[in-house]
Amino acid sequence: MELSAADLAAIRLTLELASITTLLLLVLGTPLAWWLARTRSRWKGPVAAVVALPLVLPPTVIGFYLLVSLGPNGYGGQLTQALGLGLLPFTFAGLVVASIIYSLPFVVQPLQNAFAALGDRPLEVAATLRASPLDTFFTVILPLARPGYLTATVLGFAHTVGEFGVVLMIGGNIPGQTRVVSVQIYDHVEAMEYAQAHGLALSMVVFSFLVLWALYHFNPQGGRRG
């Protein structure tokens, strides 16, 4: 089944969203994962629970509260308007914000596990060589945690590609702007265009299989931890 122009546009938008979201999650999730792996603060449990909430909450719940908080009467919406950014719901930027929150545990938890598995020994050796904390992190910790980063990147990207409830709530269904693959499949099914839905859905099944196969093939230990 040949994909239509609308299908290809949805695929392009989905890949763009997943790429931007994964990159931002790696940047934002690294310090959070490092803190969770190293801290003994009493706040570790509550923070870890908040990070893991998207694993158990229905996507529509997350999408609903994002829609309310980022709307014109919400604190987030008032802040973005004050900053001159306008309102984020039903925009690509809103999809990015929602995707970051929804895919957060799929990036933070593999990184946290990778950092925790390193132990104290690498830090102690680096300290004896008088390496600064920043130098130690970039030259010692990051290379040793590479399997965790591979797992986090693959899972974060794949999970963002598969989003539906959150992106539909916060982004709506605007062609070329917020209509991602999952929403496009939903539209095909609603219109009883089962052949088109099958072609697009099958492409996502193949993509998901290849992503997971690559994860377990090239990084079997990281794949099991993730």
C-alpha atoms as a PDB file:
ATOM      1  CA  MET A   1       0.000   0.000   0.000  1.00  0.00           C
ATOM      2  CA  GLU A   2       1.491   3.294  -1.123  1.00  0.00           C
ATOM      3  CA  LEU A   3       1.536   6.008   1.499  1.00  0.00           C
ATOM      4  CA  SER A   4      -0.307   9.212   0.680  1.00  0.00           C
ATOM      5  CA  ALA A   5       1.122  12.723   0.893  1.00  0.00           C
ATOM      6  CA  ALA A   6      -0.743  13.220   4.181  1.00  0.00           C
ATOM      7  CA  ASP A   7       0.767  10.003   5.556  1.00  0.00           C
ATOM      8  CA  LEU A   8       4.275  11.093   4.577  1.00  0.00           C
ATOM      9  CA  ALA A   9       3.714  14.510   6.136  1.00  0.00           C
ATOM     10  CA  ALA A  10       2.600  12.838   9.370  1.00  0.00           C
ATOM     11  CA  ILE A  11       5.671  10.599   9.344  1.00  0.00           C
ATOM     12  CA  ARG A  12       7.973  13.569   8.772  1.00  0.00           C
ATOM     13  CA  LEU A  13       6.370  15.529  11.607  1.00  0.00           C
ATOM     14  CA  THR A  14       6.550  12.510  13.919  1.00  0.00           C
ATOM     15  CA  LEU A  15      10.249  11.953  13.252  1.00  0.00           C
ATOM     16  CA  GLU A  16      10.944  15.656  13.749  1.00  0.00           C
ATOM     17  CA  LEU A  17       9.037  15.656  17.032  1.00  0.00           C
ATOM     18  CA  ALA A  18      10.790  12.507  18.276  1.00  0.00           C
ATOM     19  CA  SER A  19      14.235  13.831  17.346  1.00  0.00           C
ATOM     20  CA  ILE A  20      13.782  17.187  19.080  1.00  0.00           C
ATOM     21  CA  THR A  21      12.147  15.606  22.127  1.00  0.00           C
ATOM     22  CA  THR A  22      14.875  12.988  22.539  1.00  0.00           C
ATOM     23  CA  LEU A  23      17.653  15.562  22.237  1.00  0.00           C
ATOM     24  CA  LEU A  24      16.056  17.841  24.827  1.00  0.00           C
ATOM     25  CA  LEU A  25      15.354  14.904  27.136  1.00  0.00           C
ATOM     26  CA  LEU A  26      19.000  13.816  27.037  1.00  0.00           C
ATOM     27  CA  VAL A  27      20.103  17.349  27.946  1.00  0.00           C
ATOM     28  CA  LEU A  28      17.491  17.860  30.663  1.00  0.00           C
ATOM     29  CA  GLY A  29      17.442  14.283  31.893  1.00  0.00           C
ATOM     30  CA  THR A  30      21.185  13.896  32.427  1.00  0.00           C
ATOM     31  CA  PRO A  31      21.503  16.163  35.497  1.00  0.00           C
ATOM     32  CA  LEU A  32      18.222  14.832  36.896  1.00  0.00           C
ATOM     33  CA  ALA A  33      19.316  11.212  36.451  1.00  0.00           C
ATOM     34  CA  TRP A  34      22.732  11.981  37.961  1.00  0.00           C
ATOM     35  CA  TRP A  35      21.118  13.577  40.996  1.00  0.00           C
ATOM     36  CA  LEU A  36      18.721  10.650  41.466  1.00  0.00           C
ATOM     37  CA  ALA A  37      21.593   8.177  41.177  1.00  0.00           C
ATOM     38  CA  ARG A  38      23.856   9.962  43.653  1.00  0.00           C
ATOM     39  CA  THR A  39      21.707  11.807  46.158  1.00  0.00           C
ATOM     40  CA  ARG A  40      20.683  10.653  49.611  1.00  0.00           C
ATOM     41  CA  SER A  41      18.174  13.440  49.992  1.00  0.00           C
ATOM     42  CA  ARG A  42      14.764  12.700  51.436  1.00  0.00           C
ATOM     43  CA  TRP A  43      13.364  14.247  48.247  1.00  0.00           C
ATOM     44  CA  LYS A  44      14.735  11.447  46.097  1.00  0.00           C
ATOM     45  CA  GLY A  45      11.634   9.278  46.517  1.00  0.00           C
ATOM     46  CA  PRO A  46       9.071  11.986  45.681  1.00  0.00           C
ATOM     47  CA  VAL A  47      11.110  13.248  42.724  1.00  0.00           C
ATOM     48  CA  ALA A  48      11.572   9.722  41.364  1.00  0.00           C
ATOM     49  CA  ALA A  49       7.826   9.129  41.744  1.00  0.00           C
ATOM     50  CA  VAL A  50       7.010  12.297  39.788  1.00  0.00           C
ATOM     51  CA  VAL A  51       9.422  11.270  37.025  1.00  0.00           C
ATOM     52  CA  ALA A  52       7.772   7.838  36.821  1.00  0.00           C
ATOM     53  CA  LEU A  53       4.176   9.129  36.802  1.00  0.00           C
ATOM     54  CA  PRO A  54       3.805   8.906  32.986  1.00  0.00           C
ATOM     55  CA  LEU A  55       4.379   5.150  33.304  1.00  0.00           C
ATOM     56  CA  VAL A  56       1.126   4.660  35.205  1.00  0.00           C
ATOM     57  CA  LEU A  57      -1.078   7.663  34.392  1.00  0.00           C
ATOM     58  CA  PRO A  58      -3.392   7.441  31.370  1.00  0.00           C
ATOM     59  CA  PRO A  59      -2.006   9.653  28.576  1.00  0.00           C
ATOM     60  CA  THR A  60      -5.293  11.535  28.391  1.00  0.00           C
ATOM     61  CA  VAL A  61      -4.912  12.583  32.035  1.00  0.00           C
ATOM     62  CA  ILE A  62      -1.496  14.061  31.342  1.00  0.00           C
ATOM     63  CA  GLY A  63      -2.782  15.688  28.169  1.00  0.00           C
ATOM     64  CA  PHE A  64      -5.792  17.169  29.935  1.00  0.00           C
ATOM     65  CA  TYR A  65      -3.783  18.803  32.706  1.00  0.00           C
ATOM     66  CA  LEU A  66      -1.228  20.086  30.220  1.00  0.00           C
ATOM     67  CA  LEU A  67      -4.045  21.564  28.165  1.00  0.00           C
ATOM     68  CA  VAL A  68      -5.441  23.312  31.237  1.00  0.00           C
ATOM     69  CA  SER A  69      -2.094  24.520  32.602  1.00  0.00           C
ATOM     70  CA  LEU A  70      -0.827  25.753  29.226  1.00  0.00           C
ATOM     71  CA  GLY A  71      -4.139  27.350  28.278  1.00  0.00           C
ATOM     72  CA  PRO A  72      -4.943  31.072  28.600  1.00  0.00           C
ATOM     73  CA  ASN A  73      -6.107  30.705  32.214  1.00  0.00           C
ATOM     74  CA  GLY A  74      -3.349  28.362  33.379  1.00  0.00           C
ATOM     75  CA  TYR A  75      -0.106  29.366  35.049  1.00  0.00           C
ATOM     76  CA  GLY A  76       1.926  27.927  32.198  1.00  0.00           C
ATOM     77  CA  GLY A  77      -0.135  29.748  29.589  1.00  0.00           C
ATOM     78  CA  GLN A  78       0.150  33.040  31.440  1.00  0.00           C
ATOM     79  CA  LEU A  79       3.912  32.578  31.666  1.00  0.00           C
ATOM     80  CA  THR A  80       4.372  31.791  27.975  1.00  0.00           C
ATOM     81  CA  GLN A  81       2.216  34.781  27.042  1.00  0.00           C
ATOM     82  CA  ALA A  82       4.201  37.053  29.356  1.00  0.00           C
ATOM     83  CA  LEU A  83       7.392  35.824  27.668  1.00  0.00           C
ATOM     84  CA  GLY A  84       5.952  36.615  24.254  1.00  0.00           C
ATOM     85  CA  LEU A  85       5.702  32.957  23.234  1.00  0.00           C
ATOM     86  CA  GLY A  86       1.940  32.877  22.912  1.00  0.00           C
ATOM     87  CA  LEU A  87      -0.122  29.849  23.858  1.00  0.00           C
ATOM     88  CA  LEU A  88       1.377  26.388  23.308  1.00  0.00           C
ATOM     89  CA  PRO A  89      -1.720  24.170  22.945  1.00  0.00           C
ATOM     90  CA  PHE A  90      -2.378  23.113  19.341  1.00  0.00           C
ATOM     91  CA  THR A  91       1.146  24.051  18.248  1.00  0.00           C
ATOM     92  CA  PHE A  92       4.248  22.014  17.486  1.00  0.00           C
ATOM     93  CA  ALA A  93       5.996  23.597  20.490  1.00  0.00           C
ATOM     94  CA  GLY A  94       3.153  22.344  22.668  1.00  0.00           C
ATOM     95  CA  LEU A  95       3.692  18.847  21.286  1.00  0.00           C
ATOM     96  CA  VAL A  96       7.367  19.058  22.245  1.00  0.00           C
ATOM     97  CA  VAL A  97       6.544  20.093  25.817  1.00  0.00           C
ATOM     98  CA  ALA A  98       3.966  17.319  26.167  1.00  0.00           C
ATOM     99  CA  SER A  99       6.321  14.743  24.655  1.00  0.00           C
ATOM    100  CA  ILE A 100       9.126  15.701  27.030  1.00  0.00           C
ATOM    101  CA  ILE A 101       6.883  15.138  30.036  1.00  0.00           C
ATOM    102  CA  TYR A 102       5.341  11.937  28.677  1.00  0.00           C
ATOM    103  CA  SER A 103       8.662  10.327  27.652  1.00  0.00           C
ATOM    104  CA  LEU A 104      10.667  11.576  30.645  1.00  0.00           C
ATOM    105  CA  PRO A 105      10.936   8.245  32.538  1.00  0.00           C
ATOM    106  CA  PHE A 106      12.032   6.393  29.402  1.00  0.00           C
ATOM    107  CA  VAL A 107      15.159   8.559  29.297  1.00  0.00           C
ATOM    108  CA  VAL A 108      15.805   9.373  32.948  1.00  0.00           C
ATOM    109  CA  GLN A 109      15.494   5.840  34.331  1.00  0.00           C
ATOM    110  CA  PRO A 110      18.022   4.174  31.964  1.00  0.00           C
ATOM    111  CA  LEU A 111      20.467   7.021  32.630  1.00  0.00           C
ATOM    112  CA  GLN A 112      19.905   6.751  36.372  1.00  0.00           C
ATOM    113  CA  ASN A 113      20.562   3.003  36.255  1.00  0.00           C
ATOM    114  CA  ALA A 114      23.721   3.537  34.213  1.00  0.00           C
ATOM    115  CA  PHE A 115      25.059   6.163  36.619  1.00  0.00           C
ATOM    116  CA  ALA A 116      24.204   4.075  39.684  1.00  0.00           C
ATOM    117  CA  ALA A 117      25.958   1.021  38.211  1.00  0.00           C
ATOM    118  CA  LEU A 118      29.248   2.920  37.946  1.00  0.00           C
ATOM    119  CA  GLY A 119      29.668   3.185  41.707  1.00  0.00           C
ATOM    120  CA  ASP A 120      32.138   5.486  43.429  1.00  0.00           C
ATOM    121  CA  ARG A 121      35.375   4.009  42.098  1.00  0.00           C
ATOM    122  CA  PRO A 122      35.633   6.073  38.852  1.00  0.00           C
ATOM    123  CA  LEU A 123      35.014   9.283  40.790  1.00  0.00           C
ATOM    124  CA  GLU A 124      37.641   8.386  43.383  1.00  0.00           C
ATOM    125  CA  VAL A 125      40.249   7.603  40.736  1.00  0.00           C
ATOM    126  CA  ALA A 126      39.513  10.844  38.902  1.00  0.00           C
ATOM    127  CA  ALA A 127      39.787  12.778  42.164  1.00  0.00           C
ATOM    128  CA  THR A 128      43.251  11.320  42.840  1.00  0.00           C
ATOM    129  CA  LEU A 129      44.287  12.663  39.435  1.00  0.00           C
ATOM    130  CA  ARG A 130      42.970  16.096  40.438  1.00  0.00           C
ATOM    131  CA  ALA A 131      40.326  16.176  37.757  1.00  0.00           C
ATOM    132  CA  SER A 132      37.601  18.751  38.234  1.00  0.00           C
ATOM    133  CA  PRO A 133      34.013  17.506  38.702  1.00  0.00           C
ATOM    134  CA  LEU A 134      33.057  18.803  35.263  1.00  0.00           C
ATOM    135  CA  ASP A 135      36.068  17.199  33.609  1.00  0.00           C
ATOM    136  CA  THR A 136      35.375  13.949  35.439  1.00  0.00           C
ATOM    137  CA  PHE A 137      31.801  13.882  34.230  1.00  0.00           C
ATOM    138  CA  PHE A 138      32.608  14.461  30.564  1.00  0.00           C
ATOM    139  CA  THR A 139      35.793  12.376  30.299  1.00  0.00           C
ATOM    140  CA  VAL A 140      35.015   9.531  32.706  1.00  0.00           C
ATOM    141  CA  ILE A 141      31.319   9.243  33.542  1.00  0.00           C
ATOM    142  CA  LEU A 142      29.826   9.838  30.090  1.00  0.00           C
ATOM    143  CA  PRO A 143      32.033   7.290  28.267  1.00  0.00           C
ATOM    144  CA  LEU A 144      31.350   4.663  30.937  1.00  0.00           C
ATOM    145  CA  ALA A 145      27.624   5.367  30.807  1.00  0.00           C
ATOM    146  CA  ARG A 146      27.443   5.087  27.005  1.00  0.00           C
ATOM    147  CA  PRO A 147      25.246   1.932  27.055  1.00  0.00           C
ATOM    148  CA  GLY A 148      22.743   3.755  29.236  1.00  0.00           C
ATOM    149  CA  TYR A 149      22.686   6.680  26.824  1.00  0.00           C
ATOM    150  CA  LEU A 150      22.068   4.356  23.901  1.00  0.00           C
ATOM    151  CA  THR A 151      19.159   2.752  25.730  1.00  0.00           C
ATOM    152  CA  ALA A 152      17.737   6.113  26.784  1.00  0.00           C
ATOM    153  CA  THR A 153      18.012   7.517  23.263  1.00  0.00           C
ATOM    154  CA  VAL A 154      16.317   4.555  21.608  1.00  0.00           C
ATOM    155  CA  LEU A 155      13.531   4.227  24.175  1.00  0.00           C
ATOM    156  CA  GLY A 156      12.872   7.969  24.325  1.00  0.00           C
ATOM    157  CA  PHE A 157      12.715   8.252  20.541  1.00  0.00           C
ATOM    158  CA  ALA A 158      10.545   5.163  20.057  1.00  0.00           C
ATOM    159  CA  HIS A 159       8.158   6.103  22.860  1.00  0.00           C
ATOM    160  CA  THR A 160       7.668   9.585  21.422  1.00  0.00           C
ATOM    161  CA  VAL A 161       6.927   8.121  17.996  1.00  0.00           C
ATOM    162  CA  GLY A 162       4.190   5.954  19.517  1.00  0.00           C
ATOM    163  CA  GLU A 163       2.372   8.706  21.421  1.00  0.00           C
ATOM    164  CA  PHE A 164      -1.342   9.181  20.863  1.00  0.00           C
ATOM    165  CA  GLY A 165      -3.447  10.340  23.811  1.00  0.00           C
ATOM    166  CA  VAL A 166      -1.137  13.116  24.954  1.00  0.00           C
ATOM    167  CA  VAL A 167      -0.470  14.544  21.497  1.00  0.00           C
ATOM    168  CA  LEU A 168      -4.142  14.415  20.557  1.00  0.00           C
ATOM    169  CA  MET A 169      -5.150  16.298  23.714  1.00  0.00           C
ATOM    170  CA  ILE A 170      -2.492  19.003  23.547  1.00  0.00           C
ATOM    171  CA  GLY A 171      -1.931  19.201  19.795  1.00  0.00           C
ATOM    172  CA  GLY A 172      -5.286  18.427  18.280  1.00  0.00           C
ATOM    173  CA  ASN A 173      -5.329  17.286  14.675  1.00  0.00           C
ATOM    174  CA  ILE A 174      -3.902  20.041  12.482  1.00  0.00           C
ATOM    175  CA  PRO A 175      -2.434  18.754   9.189  1.00  0.00           C
ATOM    176  CA  GLY A 176       1.237  19.613   8.787  1.00  0.00           C
ATOM    177  CA  GLN A 177       1.463  21.109  12.277  1.00  0.00           C
ATOM    178  CA  THR A 178       0.305  18.651  14.930  1.00  0.00           C
ATOM    179  CA  ARG A 179      -1.032  15.610  13.059  1.00  0.00           C
ATOM    180  CA  VAL A 180       1.462  12.867  13.884  1.00  0.00           C
ATOM    181  CA  VAL A 181       1.411   9.247  12.704  1.00  0.00           C
ATOM    182  CA  SER A 182      -0.744   7.884  15.531  1.00  0.00           C
ATOM    183  CA  VAL A 183      -3.391  10.555  14.909  1.00  0.00           C
ATOM    184  CA  GLN A 184      -3.226   9.960  11.159  1.00  0.00           C
ATOM    185  CA  ILE A 185      -3.923   6.258  11.701  1.00  0.00           C
ATOM    186  CA  TYR A 186      -6.862   7.178  13.941  1.00  0.00           C
ATOM    187  CA  ASP A 187      -8.232   9.433  11.187  1.00  0.00           C
ATOM    188  CA  HIS A 188      -7.987   6.622   8.635  1.00  0.00           C
ATOM    189  CA  VAL A 189      -9.874   4.247  10.932  1.00  0.00           C
ATOM    190  CA  GLU A 190     -12.594   6.821  11.657  1.00  0.00           C
ATOM    191  CA  ALA A 191     -13.036   7.310   7.916  1.00  0.00           C
ATOM    192  CA  MET A 192     -13.124   3.512   7.474  1.00  0.00           C
ATOM    193  CA  GLU A 193     -10.020   3.718   5.281  1.00  0.00           C
ATOM    194  CA  TYR A 194      -8.688   0.449   6.598  1.00  0.00           C
ATOM    195  CA  ALA A 195      -6.240  -0.174   3.774  1.00  0.00           C
ATOM    196  CA  GLN A 196      -4.538   3.179   4.376  1.00  0.00           C
ATOM    197  CA  ALA A 197      -4.592   2.602   8.130  1.00  0.00           C
ATOM    198  CA  HIS A 198      -3.058  -0.832   7.635  1.00  0.00           C
ATOM    199  CA  GLY A 199      -0.251   0.511   5.451  1.00  0.00           C
ATOM    200  CA  LEU A 200       0.685   3.221   7.937  1.00  0.00           C
ATOM    201  CA  ALA A 201       0.247   0.991  10.990  1.00  0.00           C
ATOM    202  CA  LEU A 202       2.354  -1.753   9.431  1.00  0.00           C
ATOM    203  CA  SER A 203       5.153   0.699   8.773  1.00  0.00           C
ATOM    204  CA  MET A 204       5.098   1.636  12.471  1.00  0.00           C
ATOM    205  CA  VAL A 205       5.168  -2.036  13.509  1.00  0.00           C
ATOM    206  CA  VAL A 206       8.229  -2.617  11.326  1.00  0.00           C
ATOM    207  CA  PHE A 207       9.872   0.548  12.659  1.00  0.00           C
ATOM    208  CA  SER A 208       9.244  -0.432  16.288  1.00  0.00           C
ATOM    209  CA  PHE A 209      10.584  -3.942  15.727  1.00  0.00           C
ATOM    210  CA  LEU A 210      13.759  -2.649  14.069  1.00  0.00           C
ATOM    211  CA  VAL A 211      14.334  -0.130  16.868  1.00  0.00           C
ATOM    212  CA  LEU A 212      13.983  -2.739  19.599  1.00  0.00           C
ATOM    213  CA  TRP A 213      16.018  -5.302  17.678  1.00  0.00           C
ATOM    214  CA  ALA A 214      18.823  -2.774  17.266  1.00  0.00           C
ATOM    215  CA  LEU A 215      18.676  -1.969  20.972  1.00  0.00           C
ATOM    216  CA  TYR A 216      18.962  -5.600  22.079  1.00  0.00           C
ATOM    217  CA  HIS A 217      21.470  -6.500  19.370  1.00  0.00           C
ATOM    218  CA  PHE A 218      23.946  -3.679  19.875  1.00  0.00           C
ATOM    219  CA  ASN A 219      23.382  -3.123  23.570  1.00  0.00           C
ATOM    220  CA  PRO A 220      21.910  -6.284  25.152  1.00  0.00           C
ATOM    221  CA  GLN A 221      22.773  -5.353  28.758  1.00  0.00           C
ATOM    222  CA  GLY A 222      21.461  -1.821  28.370  1.00  0.00           C
ATOM    223  CA  GLY A 223      18.316  -3.158  26.698  1.00  0.00           C
ATOM    224  CA  ARG A 224      17.586  -5.436  29.658  1.00  0.00           C
ATOM    225  CA  ARG A 225      18.188  -2.625  32.156  1.00  0.00           C
ATOM    226  CA  GLY A 226      15.958  -0.256  30.180  1.00  0.00           C
END
